Amino acid sequence: MTQKVAVLGTGKIGEALLSGMIRGGWAPADLLVTARRAERAEELRTRHGVTPVTNAEAAKTADTLILTVKPQDMGALLDELAPHIPSDRLVISGAAGIPTSFFEARLAAGTPVVRVMTNTPALVDEAMSVISAGSHASEADLAHTEEIFGSVGKTLRVPESQQDACTALSGSGPAYFFYLVEAMTDAGILLGLPRDKAHDLIVQSAIGAATMLRDSGEHPVKLRENVTSPAGTTINAIRELENHGVRAALIAALEAARDRSRELASGSSNK
């Protein structure tokens, strides 16, 4: 692979992406990184063999720019980059809530922009990365983006109008599962189990359930019914979840996450 790819603002997700790309066949010499702190940049060089550069150098020399800074920092980064990015560069944004139009308005006319929402399981090569094309992104640009993010998990193309919903479901999704495991662990302790044993029981149950969902092709209702015997323990637990409005709370929580993603987009457009 001869194309140069630069990751700008390389935090944990950016580093996970670099690591996955190297395992997928990219040469470290073709990977550029920028970091706010010089020590962080040197750490990335030592650990992965990649080349630290300035933001301006990345814009001038890389064929693909992956912007992984926080949404509130994106406007300032684009102001710095815009004078140096030719219109044939592919710009990939990993910032939650910011539409491709925000980038297109600040870069040279015709610059291809692709929006990606990935999640923290990229750290273990199990990410879910949702990809949307901007006005000028081609099929080749989307395929190249899939190749990059496919190195750390699965990818899915959606219209950009669905990105806020995807952010609520999969971008924030791991946190909901961690929250659920935390609550179930507390319940296990209340029921008399040591914390470590409760944790192991729940984590393996989660892994097994997720594998069944992925591999069986069965609807989750069917899989739940297979566990739920008449007048048994599971149906009593499900009744309590319904009595306490857990389903409604989950729906409301995801709507709140979607709405916050929209607020971030609205805020970015005013910067």
Protein backbone atom coordinates (compact mmCIF):
# COMPACT_ATOMS: atom_id res chain seq x y z
CA MET A 1 0.00 0.00 0.00
CA THR A 2 1.66 3.21 -1.14
CA GLN A 3 -0.89 5.84 -0.12
CA LYS A 4 0.12 7.95 2.84
CA VAL A 5 -2.46 8.21 5.60
CA ALA A 6 -2.25 10.76 8.42
CA VAL A 7 -4.09 10.51 11.73
CA LEU A 8 -4.46 13.96 13.28
CA GLY A 9 -4.96 14.28 17.02
CA THR A 10 -3.94 10.70 17.77
CA GLY A 11 -5.60 9.58 21.00
CA LYS A 12 -6.61 6.08 22.04
CA ILE A 13 -8.97 5.48 19.11
CA GLY A 14 -6.50 6.98 16.65
CA GLU A 15 -3.74 4.76 17.97
CA ALA A 16 -5.99 1.70 17.81
CA LEU A 17 -6.68 2.55 14.17
CA LEU A 18 -2.96 2.88 13.43
CA SER A 19 -2.22 -0.44 15.08
CA GLY A 20 -5.00 -2.16 13.14
CA MET A 21 -3.83 -0.68 9.85
CA ILE A 22 -0.30 -1.94 10.43
CA ARG A 23 -1.61 -5.43 11.17
CA GLY A 24 -3.71 -5.12 8.01
CA GLY A 25 -0.68 -4.50 5.80
CA TRP A 26 0.03 -0.77 5.84
CA ALA A 27 3.71 0.06 6.11
CA PRO A 28 4.48 2.21 9.17
CA ALA A 29 6.54 4.45 6.88
CA ASP A 30 3.32 5.39 5.06
CA LEU A 31 1.53 6.39 8.27
CA LEU A 32 1.83 9.91 9.66
CA VAL A 33 0.59 11.14 13.04
CA THR A 34 0.07 14.42 14.81
CA ALA A 35 -0.31 14.90 18.54
CA ARG A 36 -0.72 17.92 20.78
CA ARG A 37 2.22 16.94 22.97
CA ALA A 38 5.70 16.16 21.63
CA GLU A 39 6.09 13.32 24.16
CA ARG A 40 2.95 11.67 22.83
CA ALA A 41 4.18 11.94 19.25
CA GLU A 42 7.51 10.35 20.19
CA GLU A 43 5.69 7.60 22.05
CA LEU A 44 3.75 6.76 18.87
CA ARG A 45 6.97 6.72 16.83
CA THR A 46 8.66 4.37 19.29
CA ARG A 47 5.68 2.04 19.66
CA HIS A 48 4.55 1.78 16.03
CA GLY A 49 7.33 3.12 13.82
CA VAL A 50 5.07 5.85 12.39
CA THR A 51 6.25 9.36 11.54
CA PRO A 52 5.20 12.34 13.70
CA VAL A 53 4.57 15.53 11.71
CA THR A 54 2.86 18.87 12.18
CA ASN A 55 -0.75 19.34 11.12
CA ALA A 56 0.37 21.45 8.17
CA GLU A 57 2.90 18.83 7.05
CA ALA A 58 0.24 16.13 7.25
CA ALA A 59 -2.13 18.21 5.11
CA LYS A 60 0.53 18.79 2.47
CA THR A 61 1.91 15.25 2.20
CA ALA A 62 -0.77 12.69 3.12
CA ASP A 63 -3.27 11.34 0.58
CA THR A 64 -5.85 10.71 3.31
CA LEU A 65 -6.37 12.76 6.47
CA ILE A 66 -8.22 11.19 9.40
CA LEU A 67 -9.32 13.87 11.88
CA THR A 68 -9.82 12.43 15.36
CA VAL A 69 -9.82 15.55 17.53
CA LYS A 70 -12.76 16.38 19.81
CA PRO A 71 -15.77 18.06 18.17
CA GLN A 72 -15.15 21.34 19.98
CA ASP A 73 -11.60 21.47 18.58
CA MET A 74 -12.49 20.69 14.97
CA GLY A 75 -13.13 24.26 13.84
CA ALA A 76 -9.69 25.45 14.97
CA LEU A 77 -8.03 22.44 13.35
CA LEU A 78 -9.75 23.11 10.02
CA ASP A 79 -8.70 26.77 10.16
CA GLU A 80 -5.11 25.54 10.50
CA LEU A 81 -5.40 22.90 7.79
CA ALA A 82 -7.48 24.63 5.13
CA PRO A 83 -4.66 26.61 3.46
CA HIS A 84 -2.65 23.41 2.99
CA ILE A 85 -5.23 20.81 1.84
CA PRO A 86 -5.54 20.38 -1.95
CA SER A 87 -9.03 19.55 -3.21
CA ASP A 88 -7.99 15.99 -4.15
CA ARG A 89 -7.24 14.97 -0.54
CA LEU A 90 -9.67 12.60 1.16
CA VAL A 91 -10.71 13.98 4.56
CA ILE A 92 -12.24 11.53 7.04
CA SER A 93 -13.90 12.93 10.16
CA GLY A 94 -14.34 10.88 13.31
CA ALA A 95 -16.00 13.68 15.29
CA ALA A 96 -19.43 13.03 16.75
CA GLY A 97 -22.24 15.27 15.56
CA ILE A 98 -20.35 17.32 12.97
CA PRO A 99 -21.82 17.05 9.44
CA THR A 100 -19.73 16.78 6.29
CA SER A 101 -21.09 20.17 5.18
CA PHE A 102 -19.15 21.76 8.06
CA PHE A 103 -15.90 20.51 6.50
CA GLU A 104 -16.90 21.20 2.90
CA ALA A 105 -17.64 24.84 3.73
CA ARG A 106 -14.14 25.31 5.15
CA LEU A 107 -12.05 23.36 2.65
CA ALA A 108 -11.31 23.83 -1.04
CA ALA A 109 -14.30 23.35 -3.33
CA GLY A 110 -14.77 19.73 -4.28
CA THR A 111 -12.78 18.23 -1.39
CA PRO A 112 -14.12 14.72 -0.67
CA VAL A 113 -15.23 14.28 2.95
CA VAL A 114 -16.37 11.07 4.62
CA ARG A 115 -17.93 10.99 8.09
CA VAL A 116 -17.26 8.01 10.35
CA MET A 117 -18.60 7.17 13.79
CA THR A 118 -16.61 4.33 15.33
CA ASN A 119 -16.53 3.16 18.95
CA THR A 120 -14.10 2.09 21.66
CA PRO A 121 -14.10 -1.65 20.83
CA ALA A 122 -11.67 -0.54 18.10
CA LEU A 123 -9.14 -1.08 20.88
CA VAL A 124 -9.80 -4.84 20.61
CA ASP A 125 -10.55 -4.99 16.86
CA GLU A 126 -14.30 -5.29 17.44
CA ALA A 127 -15.39 -1.78 16.47
CA MET A 128 -18.60 -0.86 14.71
CA SER A 129 -17.76 1.97 12.30
CA VAL A 130 -20.60 3.74 10.50
CA ILE A 131 -19.63 5.51 7.27
CA SER A 132 -21.39 8.30 5.36
CA ALA A 133 -20.35 10.13 2.21
CA GLY A 134 -20.20 13.87 1.83
CA SER A 135 -21.27 15.67 -1.33
CA HIS A 136 -18.01 15.05 -3.19
CA ALA A 137 -16.99 11.61 -1.88
CA SER A 138 -16.77 8.89 -4.52
CA GLU A 139 -17.29 5.15 -4.35
CA ALA A 140 -13.50 4.79 -4.26
CA ASP A 141 -13.33 7.16 -1.28
CA LEU A 142 -15.93 5.10 0.60
CA ALA A 143 -14.16 1.84 -0.25
CA HIS A 144 -10.85 3.27 0.97
CA THR A 145 -12.49 4.40 4.22
CA GLU A 146 -13.98 0.92 4.68
CA GLU A 147 -10.54 -0.60 4.12
CA ILE A 148 -9.03 1.59 6.83
CA PHE A 149 -11.74 1.13 9.46
CA GLY A 150 -12.26 -2.52 8.55
CA SER A 151 -8.85 -3.14 10.08
CA VAL A 152 -10.37 -2.65 13.56
CA GLY A 153 -13.84 -4.22 13.17
CA LYS A 154 -16.99 -4.06 11.06
CA THR A 155 -18.15 -1.20 8.87
CA LEU A 156 -21.60 -0.13 7.74
CA ARG A 157 -22.60 2.53 5.21
CA VAL A 158 -25.60 4.70 6.04
CA PRO A 159 -27.02 7.99 4.72
CA GLU A 160 -25.64 10.89 6.70
CA SER A 161 -29.16 11.67 7.95
CA GLN A 162 -28.91 8.48 10.05
CA GLN A 163 -25.55 9.29 11.65
CA ASP A 164 -27.01 10.84 14.81
CA ALA A 165 -29.09 7.72 15.44
CA CYS A 166 -26.03 5.53 14.84
CA THR A 167 -24.03 7.65 17.27
CA ALA A 168 -26.68 7.00 19.92
CA LEU A 169 -26.81 3.25 19.22
CA SER A 170 -23.24 2.17 18.51
CA GLY A 171 -21.01 5.18 19.13
CA SER A 172 -22.23 5.44 22.73
CA GLY A 173 -23.45 1.84 22.83
CA PRO A 174 -20.52 0.23 24.67
CA ALA A 175 -21.12 2.56 27.63
CA TYR A 176 -24.66 1.24 28.02
CA PHE A 177 -23.39 -2.33 28.23
CA PHE A 178 -20.71 -1.38 30.74
CA TYR A 179 -23.39 0.38 32.79
CA LEU A 180 -25.57 -2.75 32.67
CA VAL A 181 -22.67 -4.99 33.72
CA GLU A 182 -21.92 -2.62 36.59
CA ALA A 183 -25.52 -2.80 37.80
CA MET A 184 -25.68 -6.60 37.43
CA THR A 185 -22.42 -6.96 39.34
CA ASP A 186 -23.87 -4.93 42.20
CA ALA A 187 -26.92 -7.19 42.12
CA GLY A 188 -24.68 -10.26 42.29
CA ILE A 189 -22.97 -8.87 45.37
CA LEU A 190 -26.35 -8.15 46.94
CA LEU A 191 -27.30 -11.77 46.27
CA GLY A 192 -24.21 -12.97 48.13
CA LEU A 193 -21.57 -13.48 45.44
CA PRO A 194 -18.01 -12.12 45.66
CA ARG A 195 -17.41 -9.25 43.20
CA ASP A 196 -14.88 -11.14 41.07
CA LYS A 197 -17.17 -14.15 40.65
CA ALA A 198 -20.18 -11.97 39.82
CA HIS A 199 -18.08 -10.12 37.26
CA ASP A 200 -16.86 -13.32 35.58
CA LEU A 201 -20.38 -14.77 35.43
CA ILE A 202 -21.83 -11.64 33.83
CA VAL A 203 -19.01 -11.00 31.34
CA GLN A 204 -19.06 -14.57 30.02
CA SER A 205 -22.85 -14.48 29.81
CA ALA A 206 -22.60 -11.25 27.82
CA ILE A 207 -20.00 -12.71 25.45
CA GLY A 208 -22.10 -15.84 24.93
CA ALA A 209 -25.30 -13.88 24.35
CA ALA A 210 -23.62 -11.52 21.88
CA THR A 211 -22.14 -14.47 19.97
CA MET A 212 -25.57 -16.11 19.75
CA LEU A 213 -27.10 -12.88 18.46
CA ARG A 214 -24.38 -12.53 15.84
CA ASP A 215 -24.16 -16.15 14.68
CA SER A 216 -27.62 -17.67 15.08
CA GLY A 217 -29.60 -15.33 12.85
CA GLU A 218 -32.43 -15.52 15.38
CA HIS A 219 -34.45 -12.49 16.48
CA PRO A 220 -33.55 -11.40 20.04
CA VAL A 221 -37.15 -12.04 21.11
CA LYS A 222 -36.82 -15.67 20.04
CA LEU A 223 -33.52 -16.08 21.87
CA ARG A 224 -35.01 -14.52 25.01
CA GLU A 225 -38.05 -16.79 24.81
CA ASN A 226 -35.73 -19.81 24.66
CA VAL A 227 -34.44 -18.85 28.12
CA THR A 228 -37.82 -17.90 29.55
CA SER A 229 -39.64 -20.93 30.97
CA PRO A 230 -43.26 -20.67 32.15
CA ALA A 231 -43.43 -19.57 35.79
CA GLY A 232 -39.64 -19.73 35.97
CA THR A 233 -36.93 -17.46 37.32
CA THR A 234 -36.31 -15.53 34.09
CA ILE A 235 -39.90 -14.46 33.51
CA ASN A 236 -40.07 -13.13 37.05
CA ALA A 237 -36.97 -11.04 36.39
CA ILE A 238 -38.36 -9.80 33.05
CA ARG A 239 -41.60 -8.78 34.77
CA GLU A 240 -39.64 -6.63 37.22
CA LEU A 241 -37.69 -5.00 34.38
CA GLU A 242 -40.98 -4.14 32.66
CA ASN A 243 -42.54 -2.92 35.92
CA HIS A 244 -39.63 -0.54 36.39
CA GLY A 245 -39.84 0.80 32.86
CA VAL A 246 -36.40 -0.39 31.75
CA ARG A 247 -37.42 -0.64 28.09
CA ALA A 248 -38.87 2.86 28.10
CA ALA A 249 -35.80 4.19 29.91
CA LEU A 250 -33.50 2.71 27.25
CA ILE A 251 -35.52 4.28 24.45
CA ALA A 252 -35.47 7.65 26.23
CA ALA A 253 -31.72 7.35 26.84
CA LEU A 254 -30.96 6.71 23.17
CA GLU A 255 -33.21 9.59 22.13
CA ALA A 256 -31.26 11.83 24.53
CA ALA A 257 -27.95 10.70 22.99
CA ARG A 258 -29.29 11.35 19.48
CA ASP A 259 -30.50 14.81 20.50
CA ARG A 260 -27.11 15.65 21.98
CA SER A 261 -25.44 14.61 18.72
CA ARG A 262 -27.74 17.02 16.91
CA GLU A 263 -26.86 19.78 19.38
CA LEU A 264 -23.17 19.22 18.70
CA ALA A 265 -23.86 19.57 14.98
CA SER A 266 -25.81 22.76 15.55
CA GLY A 267 -23.03 24.17 17.69
CA SER A 268 -20.36 23.33 15.13
CA SER A 269 -22.25 25.11 12.37
CA ASN A 270 -22.16 28.32 14.40
CA LYS A 271 -18.37 28.30 14.85
